[in-house]
């Protein structure tokens, strides 16, 4: 059984990045829960935060790939009672 509740959707500040956040309760493994999140909550796959940040740095593999940059990244963290699943889409203004 997996249940998700959206806790935030929007910007935290004017001209800031756009965040979509969910609290996910699950009796499945972390990997199965993450796959469920991408299948049901956010229908496209984006890279994990550390990978995304490493790739967009100067000299990184995706340094000048703006499609990759603006697609954003995710974080998935175990918290008390479940998981916190966050998608960040960089501001495009």
N, C-alpha and C. Protein backbone atom coordinates (compact mmCIF):
# COMPACT_ATOMS: atom_id res chain seq x y z
N UNK A 1 0.83 -1.17 0.00
CA UNK A 1 0.00 0.00 0.00
C UNK A 1 0.88 1.25 0.00
N UNK A 2 0.56 2.17 -0.89
CA UNK A 2 1.28 3.45 -0.96
C UNK A 2 0.25 4.57 -1.01
N UNK A 3 0.45 5.57 -0.15
CA UNK A 3 -0.40 6.76 -0.15
C UNK A 3 0.47 8.00 -0.22
N UNK A 4 0.03 8.98 -0.98
CA UNK A 4 0.79 10.22 -1.12
C UNK A 4 -0.12 11.42 -0.89
N UNK A 5 0.45 12.42 -0.23
CA UNK A 5 -0.28 13.67 0.01
C UNK A 5 0.63 14.81 -0.43
N UNK A 6 0.14 15.64 -1.35
CA UNK A 6 0.95 16.77 -1.80
C UNK A 6 0.99 17.82 -0.70
N UNK A 7 2.21 18.25 -0.34
CA UNK A 7 2.39 19.21 0.75
C UNK A 7 2.73 20.60 0.25
N UNK A 8 3.20 20.72 -0.99
CA UNK A 8 3.52 22.04 -1.54
C UNK A 8 3.56 21.95 -3.06
N UNK A 9 3.13 23.03 -3.70
CA UNK A 9 3.22 23.13 -5.15
C UNK A 9 3.32 24.61 -5.48
N UNK A 10 4.52 25.03 -5.90
CA UNK A 10 4.70 26.43 -6.25
C UNK A 10 6.08 26.93 -5.87
N UNK A 11 6.22 28.24 -5.94
CA UNK A 11 7.49 28.88 -5.62
C UNK A 11 7.50 29.29 -4.14
N UNK A 12 8.67 29.25 -3.54
CA UNK A 12 8.82 29.71 -2.17
C UNK A 12 9.10 31.21 -2.12
N UNK A 13 9.59 31.74 -3.21
CA UNK A 13 9.86 33.17 -3.27
C UNK A 13 9.65 33.66 -4.70
N UNK A 14 9.42 34.94 -4.86
CA UNK A 14 9.22 35.52 -6.17
C UNK A 14 10.46 35.26 -7.04
N UNK A 15 10.24 34.85 -8.27
CA UNK A 15 11.29 34.52 -9.23
C UNK A 15 12.14 33.33 -8.78
N UNK A 16 11.64 32.52 -7.89
CA UNK A 16 12.36 31.34 -7.41
C UNK A 16 12.02 30.11 -8.21
N UNK A 17 12.70 29.03 -7.91
CA UNK A 17 12.42 27.75 -8.55
C UNK A 17 11.03 27.25 -8.15
N UNK A 18 10.46 26.38 -8.99
CA UNK A 18 9.13 25.82 -8.76
C UNK A 18 9.29 24.44 -8.12
N UNK A 19 8.63 24.22 -6.99
CA UNK A 19 8.75 22.95 -6.27
C UNK A 19 7.41 22.25 -6.19
N UNK A 20 7.46 20.93 -6.36
CA UNK A 20 6.31 20.05 -6.12
C UNK A 20 6.77 19.07 -5.05
N UNK A 21 6.05 19.01 -3.94
CA UNK A 21 6.47 18.17 -2.81
C UNK A 21 5.34 17.28 -2.34
N UNK A 22 5.68 16.04 -2.01
CA UNK A 22 4.73 15.08 -1.50
C UNK A 22 5.28 14.38 -0.27
N UNK A 23 4.38 14.01 0.64
CA UNK A 23 4.71 13.10 1.73
C UNK A 23 4.13 11.75 1.32
N UNK A 24 4.97 10.72 1.27
CA UNK A 24 4.56 9.41 0.77
C UNK A 24 4.70 8.38 1.89
N UNK A 25 3.59 7.70 2.20
CA UNK A 25 3.61 6.59 3.15
C UNK A 25 3.60 5.30 2.35
N UNK A 26 4.47 4.36 2.71
CA UNK A 26 4.59 3.15 1.92
C UNK A 26 5.07 1.98 2.77
N UNK A 27 4.57 0.80 2.44
CA UNK A 27 5.07 -0.42 3.08
C UNK A 27 6.02 -1.16 2.14
N UNK A 28 6.37 -0.54 1.03
CA UNK A 28 7.27 -1.14 0.04
C UNK A 28 8.70 -0.66 0.27
N UNK A 29 9.64 -1.19 -0.50
CA UNK A 29 11.04 -0.78 -0.37
C UNK A 29 11.21 0.64 -0.90
N UNK A 30 12.34 1.23 -0.58
CA UNK A 30 12.62 2.60 -1.03
C UNK A 30 12.64 2.69 -2.55
N UNK A 31 13.26 1.71 -3.21
CA UNK A 31 13.33 1.71 -4.68
C UNK A 31 11.95 1.56 -5.31
N UNK A 32 11.13 0.65 -4.77
CA UNK A 32 9.78 0.46 -5.30
C UNK A 32 8.93 1.72 -5.09
N UNK A 33 9.10 2.36 -3.96
CA UNK A 33 8.35 3.58 -3.67
C UNK A 33 8.76 4.70 -4.62
N UNK A 34 10.06 4.84 -4.88
CA UNK A 34 10.52 5.86 -5.81
C UNK A 34 9.97 5.61 -7.22
N UNK A 35 9.98 4.37 -7.66
CA UNK A 35 9.41 4.05 -8.98
C UNK A 35 7.92 4.38 -9.03
N UNK A 36 7.20 4.09 -7.94
CA UNK A 36 5.78 4.42 -7.86
C UNK A 36 5.58 5.93 -7.98
N UNK A 37 6.43 6.70 -7.31
CA UNK A 37 6.33 8.17 -7.36
C UNK A 37 6.47 8.68 -8.80
N UNK A 38 7.42 8.12 -9.55
CA UNK A 38 7.59 8.57 -10.93
C UNK A 38 6.50 8.02 -11.86
N UNK A 39 5.85 6.96 -11.49
CA UNK A 39 4.77 6.41 -12.31
C UNK A 39 3.44 7.11 -12.04
N UNK A 40 3.25 7.58 -10.80
CA UNK A 40 1.94 8.09 -10.41
C UNK A 40 1.89 9.57 -10.05
N UNK A 41 2.97 10.12 -9.52
CA UNK A 41 2.94 11.51 -9.08
C UNK A 41 3.54 12.47 -10.09
N UNK A 42 4.67 12.09 -10.66
CA UNK A 42 5.36 12.93 -11.63
C UNK A 42 5.72 12.03 -12.79
N UNK A 43 5.04 12.19 -13.90
CA UNK A 43 5.05 11.20 -14.99
C UNK A 43 6.30 11.15 -15.85
N UNK A 44 7.31 11.97 -15.56
CA UNK A 44 8.55 11.86 -16.33
C UNK A 44 9.72 11.75 -15.38
N UNK A 45 10.76 11.10 -15.84
CA UNK A 45 11.93 10.83 -15.00
C UNK A 45 12.93 11.98 -15.13
N UNK A 46 13.38 12.48 -14.00
CA UNK A 46 14.43 13.51 -13.95
C UNK A 46 15.56 12.98 -13.07
N UNK A 47 16.76 13.53 -13.20
CA UNK A 47 17.88 13.02 -12.42
C UNK A 47 17.80 13.42 -10.94
N UNK A 48 18.53 12.69 -10.13
CA UNK A 48 18.64 12.99 -8.70
C UNK A 48 19.44 14.28 -8.52
N UNK A 49 19.21 14.98 -7.45
CA UNK A 49 19.80 16.30 -7.23
C UNK A 49 21.32 16.32 -7.36
N UNK A 50 22.01 15.40 -6.71
CA UNK A 50 23.48 15.40 -6.75
C UNK A 50 24.00 15.19 -8.17
N UNK A 51 23.37 14.27 -8.90
CA UNK A 51 23.77 14.00 -10.29
C UNK A 51 23.52 15.24 -11.16
N UNK A 52 22.35 15.86 -11.00
CA UNK A 52 21.99 17.04 -11.78
C UNK A 52 22.98 18.17 -11.52
N UNK A 53 23.27 18.46 -10.25
CA UNK A 53 24.20 19.53 -9.91
C UNK A 53 25.61 19.26 -10.44
N UNK A 54 26.05 18.01 -10.39
CA UNK A 54 27.38 17.67 -10.91
C UNK A 54 27.43 17.85 -12.43
N UNK A 55 26.36 17.52 -13.11
CA UNK A 55 26.33 17.60 -14.57
C UNK A 55 26.24 19.03 -15.10
N UNK A 56 25.62 19.94 -14.36
CA UNK A 56 25.45 21.30 -14.89
C UNK A 56 26.60 22.23 -14.54
N UNK A 57 27.50 21.80 -13.68
CA UNK A 57 28.65 22.64 -13.31
C UNK A 57 29.52 22.93 -14.53
N UNK A 58 30.34 23.96 -14.41
CA UNK A 58 31.31 24.27 -15.47
C UNK A 58 32.21 23.05 -15.63
N UNK A 59 32.30 22.57 -16.84
CA UNK A 59 33.08 21.37 -17.11
C UNK A 59 32.28 20.09 -16.94
N UNK A 60 31.03 20.20 -16.52
CA UNK A 60 30.18 19.03 -16.33
C UNK A 60 29.70 18.47 -17.66
N UNK A 61 29.21 17.26 -17.61
CA UNK A 61 28.77 16.55 -18.81
C UNK A 61 27.65 17.28 -19.56
N UNK A 62 26.77 17.97 -18.84
CA UNK A 62 25.63 18.66 -19.46
C UNK A 62 25.72 20.17 -19.29
N UNK A 63 26.93 20.70 -19.26
CA UNK A 63 27.17 22.12 -18.97
C UNK A 63 26.33 23.06 -19.84
N UNK A 64 26.19 22.80 -21.12
CA UNK A 64 25.46 23.70 -22.02
C UNK A 64 24.16 23.09 -22.54
N UNK A 65 23.64 22.09 -21.86
CA UNK A 65 22.40 21.43 -22.27
C UNK A 65 21.23 22.06 -21.50
N UNK A 66 20.60 23.07 -22.10
CA UNK A 66 19.56 23.81 -21.40
C UNK A 66 18.29 23.01 -21.22
N UNK A 67 18.02 22.07 -22.11
CA UNK A 67 16.87 21.18 -21.92
C UNK A 67 17.03 20.35 -20.66
N UNK A 68 18.25 19.86 -20.43
CA UNK A 68 18.56 19.09 -19.23
C UNK A 68 18.43 19.98 -17.99
N UNK A 69 18.98 21.18 -18.07
CA UNK A 69 18.95 22.10 -16.94
C UNK A 69 17.52 22.41 -16.51
N UNK A 70 16.68 22.81 -17.47
CA UNK A 70 15.33 23.24 -17.14
C UNK A 70 14.37 22.08 -16.86
N UNK A 71 14.76 20.85 -17.14
CA UNK A 71 13.93 19.70 -16.78
C UNK A 71 13.89 19.52 -15.27
N UNK A 72 14.95 19.93 -14.57
CA UNK A 72 14.95 19.88 -13.12
C UNK A 72 15.50 18.59 -12.56
N UNK A 73 15.23 18.39 -11.28
CA UNK A 73 15.78 17.24 -10.54
C UNK A 73 14.83 16.85 -9.41
N UNK A 74 15.13 15.71 -8.79
CA UNK A 74 14.32 15.25 -7.66
C UNK A 74 15.19 14.99 -6.44
N UNK A 75 14.54 15.03 -5.27
CA UNK A 75 15.15 14.53 -4.04
C UNK A 75 14.14 13.57 -3.43
N UNK A 76 14.65 12.53 -2.82
CA UNK A 76 13.82 11.50 -2.20
C UNK A 76 14.49 11.15 -0.88
N UNK A 77 13.80 11.44 0.21
CA UNK A 77 14.41 11.30 1.52
C UNK A 77 13.48 10.59 2.49
N UNK A 78 14.05 9.68 3.28
CA UNK A 78 13.27 9.00 4.31
C UNK A 78 13.07 9.96 5.47
N UNK A 79 11.82 10.10 5.91
CA UNK A 79 11.48 10.94 7.05
C UNK A 79 10.60 10.12 7.99
N UNK A 80 10.29 10.66 9.14
CA UNK A 80 9.46 9.96 10.11
C UNK A 80 8.11 9.63 9.49
N UNK A 81 7.77 8.38 9.44
CA UNK A 81 6.47 7.95 8.92
C UNK A 81 6.40 7.72 7.43
N UNK A 82 7.48 7.96 6.68
CA UNK A 82 7.42 7.74 5.24
C UNK A 82 8.59 8.36 4.51
N UNK A 83 8.28 8.98 3.36
CA UNK A 83 9.30 9.58 2.51
C UNK A 83 8.87 10.98 2.09
N UNK A 84 9.84 11.80 1.77
CA UNK A 84 9.58 13.13 1.21
C UNK A 84 10.10 13.11 -0.22
N UNK A 85 9.21 13.30 -1.18
CA UNK A 85 9.54 13.29 -2.60
C UNK A 85 9.36 14.71 -3.12
N UNK A 86 10.45 15.30 -3.66
CA UNK A 86 10.41 16.68 -4.12
C UNK A 86 10.93 16.77 -5.54
N UNK A 87 10.23 17.49 -6.38
CA UNK A 87 10.68 17.81 -7.74
C UNK A 87 10.95 19.31 -7.78
N UNK A 88 12.11 19.68 -8.30
CA UNK A 88 12.47 21.09 -8.46
C UNK A 88 12.61 21.39 -9.94
N UNK A 89 11.89 22.41 -10.41
CA UNK A 89 12.01 22.90 -11.78
C UNK A 89 12.59 24.30 -11.71
N UNK A 90 13.78 24.52 -12.25
CA UNK A 90 14.42 25.84 -12.17
C UNK A 90 13.57 26.94 -12.79
N UNK A 91 13.66 28.11 -12.22
CA UNK A 91 12.93 29.27 -12.70
C UNK A 91 13.37 29.61 -14.13
N UNK A 92 12.41 29.96 -14.97
CA UNK A 92 12.73 30.27 -16.37
C UNK A 92 12.51 31.73 -16.73
N UNK A 93 12.28 32.60 -15.76
CA UNK A 93 12.10 34.03 -16.05
C UNK A 93 13.39 34.69 -16.43
